[in-house]
Amino acid sequence: QVQLDESGGGLVQAGGSLRLSCAASGRTFSPYAVGWFRQAPGKEREFVSTIAWSSGSTFYADSVKGRYTISRDRAKNTVYLQMNGLKPEDTAVYFCAATFNLIPSLLTAKTIYNYWGQGTQVTVSS
């Protein structure tokens, strides 16, 4: 079993920055990828970014490309999401998720992620 714990959310003004962390514990942690998703009130959970655990390859949703940076520290079993240039529309609960399914073409699909954190709230005021 894998536990994922997110931290780093909060309230920030538009244009500001936050860094989210996702720490994994439990079984030997060697997923195929770890990703971030977000869910705003009344909306579906959507893909934000993901990173391949071994290679470090990264993928981003168009809406965050150029503003967000995902990274990982394998020694600490931790994934980070640096969020710059935040906008009110970035307001959501952000979830960390890990997948052990080797399906590169579906890395943006939440359905392939096996484990999820509890989420951390990010609120961007205008």
C-alpha atoms as a PDB file:
ATOM      1  CA  GLN A   1       0.000   0.000   0.000  1.00  0.00           C
ATOM      2  CA  VAL A   2       1.136   3.556  -0.766  1.00  0.00           C
ATOM      3  CA  GLN A   3       0.220   6.669   1.158  1.00  0.00           C
ATOM      4  CA  LEU A   4       0.530  10.076  -0.448  1.00  0.00           C
ATOM      5  CA  ASP A   5       0.496  13.244   1.626  1.00  0.00           C
ATOM      6  CA  GLU A   6       0.202  16.646  -0.007  1.00  0.00           C
ATOM      7  CA  SER A   7       1.209  19.897   1.620  1.00  0.00           C
ATOM      8  CA  GLY A   8       1.921  23.477   0.680  1.00  0.00           C
ATOM      9  CA  GLY A   9      -1.491  24.739  -0.312  1.00  0.00           C
ATOM     10  CA  GLY A  10      -2.874  28.046   0.883  1.00  0.00           C
ATOM     11  CA  LEU A  11      -4.210  31.453  -0.025  1.00  0.00           C
ATOM     12  CA  VAL A  12      -2.204  33.643  -2.381  1.00  0.00           C
ATOM     13  CA  GLN A  13      -2.841  36.740  -4.446  1.00  0.00           C
ATOM     14  CA  ALA A  14      -2.961  36.611  -8.208  1.00  0.00           C
ATOM     15  CA  GLY A  15       0.537  36.607  -9.636  1.00  0.00           C
ATOM     16  CA  GLY A  16       1.943  34.905  -6.577  1.00  0.00           C
ATOM     17  CA  SER A  17       3.607  31.532  -6.125  1.00  0.00           C
ATOM     18  CA  LEU A  18       3.168  28.369  -4.111  1.00  0.00           C
ATOM     19  CA  ARG A  19       5.057  25.089  -3.966  1.00  0.00           C
ATOM     20  CA  LEU A  20       3.151  21.916  -3.334  1.00  0.00           C
ATOM     21  CA  SER A  21       4.805  18.776  -2.012  1.00  0.00           C
ATOM     22  CA  CYS A  22       3.690  15.169  -2.251  1.00  0.00           C
ATOM     23  CA  ALA A  23       5.444  12.760   0.072  1.00  0.00           C
ATOM     24  CA  ALA A  24       5.015   9.033  -0.455  1.00  0.00           C
ATOM     25  CA  SER A  25       5.291   6.326   2.181  1.00  0.00           C
ATOM     26  CA  GLY A  26       4.426   2.669   2.504  1.00  0.00           C
ATOM     27  CA  ARG A  27       5.600  -0.022   0.122  1.00  0.00           C
ATOM     28  CA  THR A  28       8.797   0.381  -1.855  1.00  0.00           C
ATOM     29  CA  PHE A  29       7.998   3.405  -3.919  1.00  0.00           C
ATOM     30  CA  SER A  30       8.845   2.928  -7.556  1.00  0.00           C
ATOM     31  CA  PRO A  31       5.846   4.078  -9.575  1.00  0.00           C
ATOM     32  CA  TYR A  32       5.771   4.642 -13.291  1.00  0.00           C
ATOM     33  CA  ALA A  33       4.703   8.244 -12.763  1.00  0.00           C
ATOM     34  CA  VAL A  34       3.463  10.701 -10.190  1.00  0.00           C
ATOM     35  CA  GLY A  35       1.032  13.369 -11.182  1.00  0.00           C
ATOM     36  CA  TRP A  36      -0.952  16.339  -9.978  1.00  0.00           C
ATOM     37  CA  PHE A  37      -4.629  16.841 -10.653  1.00  0.00           C
ATOM     38  CA  ARG A  38      -6.984  19.549  -9.487  1.00  0.00           C
ATOM     39  CA  GLN A  39     -10.678  19.898  -8.896  1.00  0.00           C
ATOM     40  CA  ALA A  40     -12.554  23.172  -8.668  1.00  0.00           C
ATOM     41  CA  PRO A  41     -16.044  23.368  -7.132  1.00  0.00           C
ATOM     42  CA  GLY A  42     -18.644  21.961  -9.493  1.00  0.00           C
ATOM     43  CA  LYS A  43     -16.047  20.788 -11.986  1.00  0.00           C
ATOM     44  CA  GLU A  44     -14.441  17.486 -12.857  1.00  0.00           C
ATOM     45  CA  ARG A  45     -10.997  16.578 -11.624  1.00  0.00           C
ATOM     46  CA  GLU A  46      -8.515  17.575 -14.300  1.00  0.00           C
ATOM     47  CA  PHE A  47      -4.931  16.766 -15.163  1.00  0.00           C
ATOM     48  CA  VAL A  48      -2.308  19.358 -14.278  1.00  0.00           C
ATOM     49  CA  SER A  49       1.095  17.743 -14.616  1.00  0.00           C
ATOM     50  CA  THR A  50       2.927  14.455 -14.260  1.00  0.00           C
ATOM     51  CA  ILE A  51       6.498  13.230 -14.061  1.00  0.00           C
ATOM     52  CA  ALA A  52       7.901   9.847 -14.987  1.00  0.00           C
ATOM     53  CA  TRP A  53       9.601   8.555 -11.875  1.00  0.00           C
ATOM     54  CA  SER A  54      12.567   6.905 -13.559  1.00  0.00           C
ATOM     55  CA  SER A  55      13.330   9.158 -16.520  1.00  0.00           C
ATOM     56  CA  GLY A  56      12.098  12.459 -15.116  1.00  0.00           C
ATOM     57  CA  SER A  57      10.135  13.227 -18.265  1.00  0.00           C
ATOM     58  CA  THR A  58       7.454  15.797 -17.586  1.00  0.00           C
ATOM     59  CA  PHE A  59       4.059  16.616 -19.033  1.00  0.00           C
ATOM     60  CA  TYR A  60       1.811  19.620 -18.470  1.00  0.00           C
ATOM     61  CA  ALA A  61      -1.708  20.706 -19.217  1.00  0.00           C
ATOM     62  CA  ASP A  62      -1.786  23.610 -21.647  1.00  0.00           C
ATOM     63  CA  SER A  63      -3.401  25.800 -19.007  1.00  0.00           C
ATOM     64  CA  VAL A  64      -0.339  25.627 -16.738  1.00  0.00           C
ATOM     65  CA  LYS A  65       2.488  25.228 -19.209  1.00  0.00           C
ATOM     66  CA  GLY A  66       5.162  27.852 -18.651  1.00  0.00           C
ATOM     67  CA  ARG A  67       3.885  28.674 -15.151  1.00  0.00           C
ATOM     68  CA  TYR A  68       4.105  25.369 -13.285  1.00  0.00           C
ATOM     69  CA  THR A  69       7.122  23.113 -12.859  1.00  0.00           C
ATOM     70  CA  ILE A  70       6.983  19.551 -11.598  1.00  0.00           C
ATOM     71  CA  SER A  71      10.042  17.841 -10.123  1.00  0.00           C
ATOM     72  CA  ARG A  72      10.890  14.852  -7.971  1.00  0.00           C
ATOM     73  CA  ASP A  73      13.423  13.858  -5.354  1.00  0.00           C
ATOM     74  CA  ARG A  74      13.698  10.090  -5.527  1.00  0.00           C
ATOM     75  CA  ALA A  75      15.798   9.889  -2.368  1.00  0.00           C
ATOM     76  CA  LYS A  76      12.960  11.517  -0.434  1.00  0.00           C
ATOM     77  CA  ASN A  77      10.101   9.864  -2.348  1.00  0.00           C
ATOM     78  CA  THR A  78       8.709  13.327  -2.886  1.00  0.00           C
ATOM     79  CA  VAL A  79       7.257  15.176  -5.853  1.00  0.00           C
ATOM     80  CA  TYR A  80       6.972  18.939  -6.011  1.00  0.00           C
ATOM     81  CA  LEU A  81       4.802  21.305  -7.991  1.00  0.00           C
ATOM     82  CA  GLN A  82       6.147  24.825  -8.219  1.00  0.00           C
ATOM     83  CA  MET A  83       3.326  27.150  -9.234  1.00  0.00           C
ATOM     84  CA  ASN A  84       4.180  30.647 -10.421  1.00  0.00           C
ATOM     85  CA  GLY A  85       2.041  33.358 -11.930  1.00  0.00           C
ATOM     86  CA  LEU A  86      -1.039  32.024 -10.198  1.00  0.00           C
ATOM     87  CA  LYS A  87      -4.446  33.089 -11.480  1.00  0.00           C
ATOM     88  CA  PRO A  88      -7.869  33.002  -9.811  1.00  0.00           C
ATOM     89  CA  GLU A  89      -8.860  30.210 -12.188  1.00  0.00           C
ATOM     90  CA  ASP A  90      -6.121  28.040 -10.635  1.00  0.00           C
ATOM     91  CA  THR A  91      -8.175  27.893  -7.452  1.00  0.00           C
ATOM     92  CA  ALA A  92      -8.942  24.244  -6.689  1.00  0.00           C
ATOM     93  CA  VAL A  93      -8.136  21.311  -4.483  1.00  0.00           C
ATOM     94  CA  TYR A  94      -4.898  19.834  -5.777  1.00  0.00           C
ATOM     95  CA  PHE A  95      -4.386  16.089  -5.570  1.00  0.00           C
ATOM     96  CA  CYS A  96      -1.236  14.070  -5.913  1.00  0.00           C
ATOM     97  CA  ALA A  97      -1.525  10.637  -7.514  1.00  0.00           C
ATOM     98  CA  ALA A  98       0.788   7.765  -8.366  1.00  0.00           C
ATOM     99  CA  THR A  99       0.463   5.171 -11.077  1.00  0.00           C
ATOM    100  CA  PHE A 100       2.188   1.816 -11.329  1.00  0.00           C
ATOM    101  CA  ASN A 101       0.596   1.187 -14.712  1.00  0.00           C
ATOM    102  CA  LEU A 102       3.045   1.382 -17.586  1.00  0.00           C
ATOM    103  CA  ILE A 103       0.756   3.125 -20.082  1.00  0.00           C
ATOM    104  CA  PRO A 104       2.642   6.176 -21.407  1.00  0.00           C
ATOM    105  CA  SER A 105      -0.160   7.242 -23.728  1.00  0.00           C
ATOM    106  CA  LEU A 106      -2.584   7.629 -20.828  1.00  0.00           C
ATOM    107  CA  LEU A 107      -0.488   9.569 -18.355  1.00  0.00           C
ATOM    108  CA  THR A 108      -2.925  12.473 -18.381  1.00  0.00           C
ATOM    109  CA  ALA A 109      -5.876  10.211 -17.573  1.00  0.00           C
ATOM    110  CA  LYS A 110      -6.858  10.084 -13.932  1.00  0.00           C
ATOM    111  CA  THR A 111      -8.256   6.571 -14.358  1.00  0.00           C
ATOM    112  CA  ILE A 112      -4.811   4.950 -14.536  1.00  0.00           C
ATOM    113  CA  TYR A 113      -3.614   6.365 -11.235  1.00  0.00           C
ATOM    114  CA  ASN A 114      -3.724   3.782  -8.460  1.00  0.00           C
ATOM    115  CA  TYR A 115      -3.111   5.892  -5.378  1.00  0.00           C
ATOM    116  CA  TRP A 116      -4.319   9.342  -4.400  1.00  0.00           C
ATOM    117  CA  GLY A 117      -3.607  11.813  -1.655  1.00  0.00           C
ATOM    118  CA  GLN A 118      -6.261  13.628   0.316  1.00  0.00           C
ATOM    119  CA  GLY A 119      -5.761  16.919  -1.501  1.00  0.00           C
ATOM    120  CA  THR A 120      -4.608  20.388  -0.551  1.00  0.00           C
ATOM    121  CA  GLN A 121      -6.561  23.582  -1.135  1.00  0.00           C
ATOM    122  CA  VAL A 122      -5.098  26.319  -3.310  1.00  0.00           C
ATOM    123  CA  THR A 123      -6.985  29.608  -3.385  1.00  0.00           C
ATOM    124  CA  VAL A 124      -5.919  32.500  -5.577  1.00  0.00           C
ATOM    125  CA  SER A 125      -7.516  35.850  -4.891  1.00  0.00           C
ATOM    126  CA  SER A 126      -7.880  38.526  -7.545  1.00  0.00           C
END
